[in-house]
C-alpha atoms as a PDB file:
ATOM      1  CA  UNK A   1       5.717 -29.172  31.374  1.00  0.00           C
ATOM      2  CA  UNK A   2       2.849 -26.911  30.441  1.00  0.00           C
ATOM      3  CA  UNK A   3       0.516 -27.272  27.535  1.00  0.00           C
ATOM      4  CA  UNK A   4      -1.970 -24.923  25.979  1.00  0.00           C
ATOM      5  CA  UNK A   5      -5.515 -25.897  26.774  1.00  0.00           C
ATOM      6  CA  UNK A   6      -7.155 -23.217  24.684  1.00  0.00           C
ATOM      7  CA  UNK A   7      -6.106 -20.609  22.198  1.00  0.00           C
ATOM      8  CA  UNK A   8      -7.700 -17.188  22.020  1.00  0.00           C
ATOM      9  CA  UNK A   9      -7.824 -15.590  18.595  1.00  0.00           C
ATOM     10  CA  UNK A  10      -8.328 -11.868  18.149  1.00  0.00           C
ATOM     11  CA  UNK A  11     -10.647 -11.360  15.155  1.00  0.00           C
ATOM     12  CA  UNK A  12      -9.304  -7.839  14.567  1.00  0.00           C
ATOM     13  CA  UNK A  13      -5.866  -9.186  13.675  1.00  0.00           C
ATOM     14  CA  UNK A  14      -6.797 -12.479  12.074  1.00  0.00           C
ATOM     15  CA  UNK A  15      -4.421 -11.913   9.146  1.00  0.00           C
ATOM     16  CA  UNK A  16      -1.373 -11.758  11.424  1.00  0.00           C
ATOM     17  CA  UNK A  17       0.641 -14.971  11.720  1.00  0.00           C
ATOM     18  CA  UNK A  18       0.473 -17.063  14.852  1.00  0.00           C
ATOM     19  CA  UNK A  19       3.652 -17.208  16.896  1.00  0.00           C
ATOM     20  CA  UNK A  20       5.129 -19.239  19.725  1.00  0.00           C
ATOM     21  CA  UNK A  21       6.722 -17.600  22.724  1.00  0.00           C
ATOM     22  CA  UNK A  22       6.676 -13.981  23.747  1.00  0.00           C
ATOM     23  CA  UNK A  23       9.096 -12.282  21.360  1.00  0.00           C
ATOM     24  CA  UNK A  24       6.916  -9.230  20.885  1.00  0.00           C
ATOM     25  CA  UNK A  25       7.703  -9.045  17.169  1.00  0.00           C
ATOM     26  CA  UNK A  26       4.133  -9.762  16.106  1.00  0.00           C
ATOM     27  CA  UNK A  27       2.814  -7.280  18.645  1.00  0.00           C
ATOM     28  CA  UNK A  28       5.118  -4.622  17.229  1.00  0.00           C
ATOM     29  CA  UNK A  29       3.859  -5.339  13.715  1.00  0.00           C
ATOM     30  CA  UNK A  30       0.255  -5.055  14.868  1.00  0.00           C
ATOM     31  CA  UNK A  31       0.960  -1.773  16.658  1.00  0.00           C
ATOM     32  CA  UNK A  32       2.818  -0.428  13.623  1.00  0.00           C
ATOM     33  CA  UNK A  33      -0.052  -1.362  11.342  1.00  0.00           C
ATOM     34  CA  UNK A  34      -2.629   0.373  13.510  1.00  0.00           C
ATOM     35  CA  UNK A  35      -0.394   3.398  14.019  1.00  0.00           C
ATOM     36  CA  UNK A  36       0.093   3.822  10.272  1.00  0.00           C
ATOM     37  CA  UNK A  37      -3.631   3.449   9.608  1.00  0.00           C
ATOM     38  CA  UNK A  38      -4.430   5.952  12.371  1.00  0.00           C
ATOM     39  CA  UNK A  39      -1.984   8.538  11.024  1.00  0.00           C
ATOM     40  CA  UNK A  40      -3.249   8.163   7.459  1.00  0.00           C
ATOM     41  CA  UNK A  41      -6.869   8.404   8.598  1.00  0.00           C
ATOM     42  CA  UNK A  42      -6.180  11.481  10.739  1.00  0.00           C
ATOM     43  CA  UNK A  43      -4.503  13.274   7.817  1.00  0.00           C
ATOM     44  CA  UNK A  44      -7.395  12.419   5.477  1.00  0.00           C
ATOM     45  CA  UNK A  45     -10.045  13.514   7.983  1.00  0.00           C
ATOM     46  CA  UNK A  46      -8.093  16.706   8.712  1.00  0.00           C
ATOM     47  CA  UNK A  47      -7.990  17.559   5.018  1.00  0.00           C
ATOM     48  CA  UNK A  48     -11.699  16.902   4.686  1.00  0.00           C
ATOM     49  CA  UNK A  49     -12.441  19.080   7.731  1.00  0.00           C
ATOM     50  CA  UNK A  50     -10.388  21.942   6.284  1.00  0.00           C
ATOM     51  CA  UNK A  51     -12.284  21.721   3.002  1.00  0.00           C
ATOM     52  CA  UNK A  52     -15.690  21.671   4.707  1.00  0.00           C
ATOM     53  CA  UNK A  53     -14.760  24.564   7.011  1.00  0.00           C
ATOM     54  CA  UNK A  54     -13.523  26.632   4.063  1.00  0.00           C
ATOM     55  CA  UNK A  55     -16.691  25.928   2.064  1.00  0.00           C
ATOM     56  CA  UNK A  56     -18.904  26.858   5.024  1.00  0.00           C
ATOM     57  CA  UNK A  57     -17.044  30.152   5.346  1.00  0.00           C
ATOM     58  CA  UNK A  58     -17.476  30.838   1.646  1.00  0.00           C
ATOM     59  CA  UNK A  59     -21.194  30.023   1.761  1.00  0.00           C
ATOM     60  CA  UNK A  60     -21.645  32.245   4.826  1.00  0.00           C
ATOM     61  CA  UNK A  61     -19.889  35.090   3.027  1.00  0.00           C
ATOM     62  CA  UNK A  62     -22.050  34.735  -0.084  1.00  0.00           C
ATOM     63  CA  UNK A  63     -25.266  34.565   1.941  1.00  0.00           C
ATOM     64  CA  UNK A  64     -24.310  37.426   4.312  1.00  0.00           C
ATOM     65  CA  UNK A  65     -26.319  39.902   2.268  1.00  0.00           C
ATOM     66  CA  UNK A  66     -24.025  42.829   3.057  1.00  0.00           C
ATOM     67  CA  UNK A  67     -24.249  42.431   6.857  1.00  0.00           C
ATOM     68  CA  UNK A  68     -20.825  43.469   8.184  1.00  0.00           C
ATOM     69  CA  UNK A  69     -20.855  41.164  11.214  1.00  0.00           C
ATOM     70  CA  UNK A  70     -21.767  38.106   9.114  1.00  0.00           C
ATOM     71  CA  UNK A  71     -19.052  38.948   6.594  1.00  0.00           C
ATOM     72  CA  UNK A  72     -16.475  39.287   9.383  1.00  0.00           C
ATOM     73  CA  UNK A  73     -17.506  35.908  10.837  1.00  0.00           C
ATOM     74  CA  UNK A  74     -17.220  34.327   7.385  1.00  0.00           C
ATOM     75  CA  UNK A  75     -13.777  35.889   6.886  1.00  0.00           C
ATOM     76  CA  UNK A  76     -12.650  34.569  10.269  1.00  0.00           C
ATOM     77  CA  UNK A  77     -13.892  31.091   9.360  1.00  0.00           C
ATOM     78  CA  UNK A  78     -11.952  31.161   6.084  1.00  0.00           C
ATOM     79  CA  UNK A  79      -8.812  32.408   7.860  1.00  0.00           C
ATOM     80  CA  UNK A  80      -9.178  29.616  10.422  1.00  0.00           C
ATOM     81  CA  UNK A  81      -9.536  27.084   7.595  1.00  0.00           C
ATOM     82  CA  UNK A  82      -6.264  28.318   6.069  1.00  0.00           C
ATOM     83  CA  UNK A  83      -4.542  28.128   9.471  1.00  0.00           C
ATOM     84  CA  UNK A  84      -5.832  24.564   9.876  1.00  0.00           C
ATOM     85  CA  UNK A  85      -4.545  23.713   6.396  1.00  0.00           C
ATOM     86  CA  UNK A  86      -1.118  25.147   7.260  1.00  0.00           C
ATOM     87  CA  UNK A  87      -1.013  23.108  10.479  1.00  0.00           C
ATOM     88  CA  UNK A  88      -2.010  19.978   8.584  1.00  0.00           C
ATOM     89  CA  UNK A  89       0.731  20.529   6.004  1.00  0.00           C
ATOM     90  CA  UNK A  90       3.223  21.253   8.807  1.00  0.00           C
ATOM     91  CA  UNK A  91       2.243  18.010  10.586  1.00  0.00           C
ATOM     92  CA  UNK A  92       2.622  15.959   7.409  1.00  0.00           C
ATOM     93  CA  UNK A  93       6.005  17.576   6.741  1.00  0.00           C
ATOM     94  CA  UNK A  94       7.167  16.722  10.265  1.00  0.00           C
ATOM     95  CA  UNK A  95       6.033  13.110   9.851  1.00  0.00           C
ATOM     96  CA  UNK A  96       7.748  12.991   6.469  1.00  0.00           C
ATOM     97  CA  UNK A  97      10.982  14.194   8.068  1.00  0.00           C
ATOM     98  CA  UNK A  98      10.934  12.336  11.395  1.00  0.00           C
ATOM     99  CA  UNK A  99      10.082   8.883  10.020  1.00  0.00           C
ATOM    100  CA  UNK A 100      12.901   8.480   7.497  1.00  0.00           C
ATOM    101  CA  UNK A 101      15.428  10.407   9.600  1.00  0.00           C
ATOM    102  CA  UNK A 102      15.022   8.634  12.925  1.00  0.00           C
ATOM    103  CA  UNK A 103      13.353   5.328  12.059  1.00  0.00           C
ATOM    104  CA  UNK A 104      14.185   4.783   8.397  1.00  0.00           C
ATOM    105  CA  UNK A 105      10.453   4.369   7.667  1.00  0.00           C
ATOM    106  CA  UNK A 106       7.825   6.402   5.870  1.00  0.00           C
ATOM    107  CA  UNK A 107       5.213   6.877   8.597  1.00  0.00           C
ATOM    108  CA  UNK A 108       2.618   8.043   6.086  1.00  0.00           C
ATOM    109  CA  UNK A 109       2.588   4.735   4.180  1.00  0.00           C
ATOM    110  CA  UNK A 110       1.212   1.513   5.566  1.00  0.00           C
ATOM    111  CA  UNK A 111       3.662  -0.548   3.462  1.00  0.00           C
ATOM    112  CA  UNK A 112       6.424  -0.110   6.041  1.00  0.00           C
ATOM    113  CA  UNK A 113       4.772  -2.790   8.230  1.00  0.00           C
ATOM    114  CA  UNK A 114       5.551  -5.386   5.548  1.00  0.00           C
ATOM    115  CA  UNK A 115       9.161  -4.153   5.393  1.00  0.00           C
ATOM    116  CA  UNK A 116       9.533  -4.692   9.149  1.00  0.00           C
ATOM    117  CA  UNK A 117       8.301  -8.285   8.863  1.00  0.00           C
ATOM    118  CA  UNK A 118      11.147  -9.232   6.508  1.00  0.00           C
END
């Protein structure tokens, strides 16, 4: 007969319920929560990066002062911002398709972790 002499608590997941045994269900909920937060954060940061990159290209174009090479660099930066935006939209569309189709979950919403717990 074994008994627990000490219990280690992870402060990062303090709101998760304690469990007995090694079912892995709580671990899956924790992983799902962090995965959903990571995906949402990556999409938000990607959108912010696209906006900043586009604005920098526009500012460079306005301040080029008629210099052809500076205007071309600014145009390339704006084109790259649009390509990044298209890739971001494509990634979100893939996540929006893959999650409900294969897993029955919306991978872009953190609420699905609560649905798994039920």
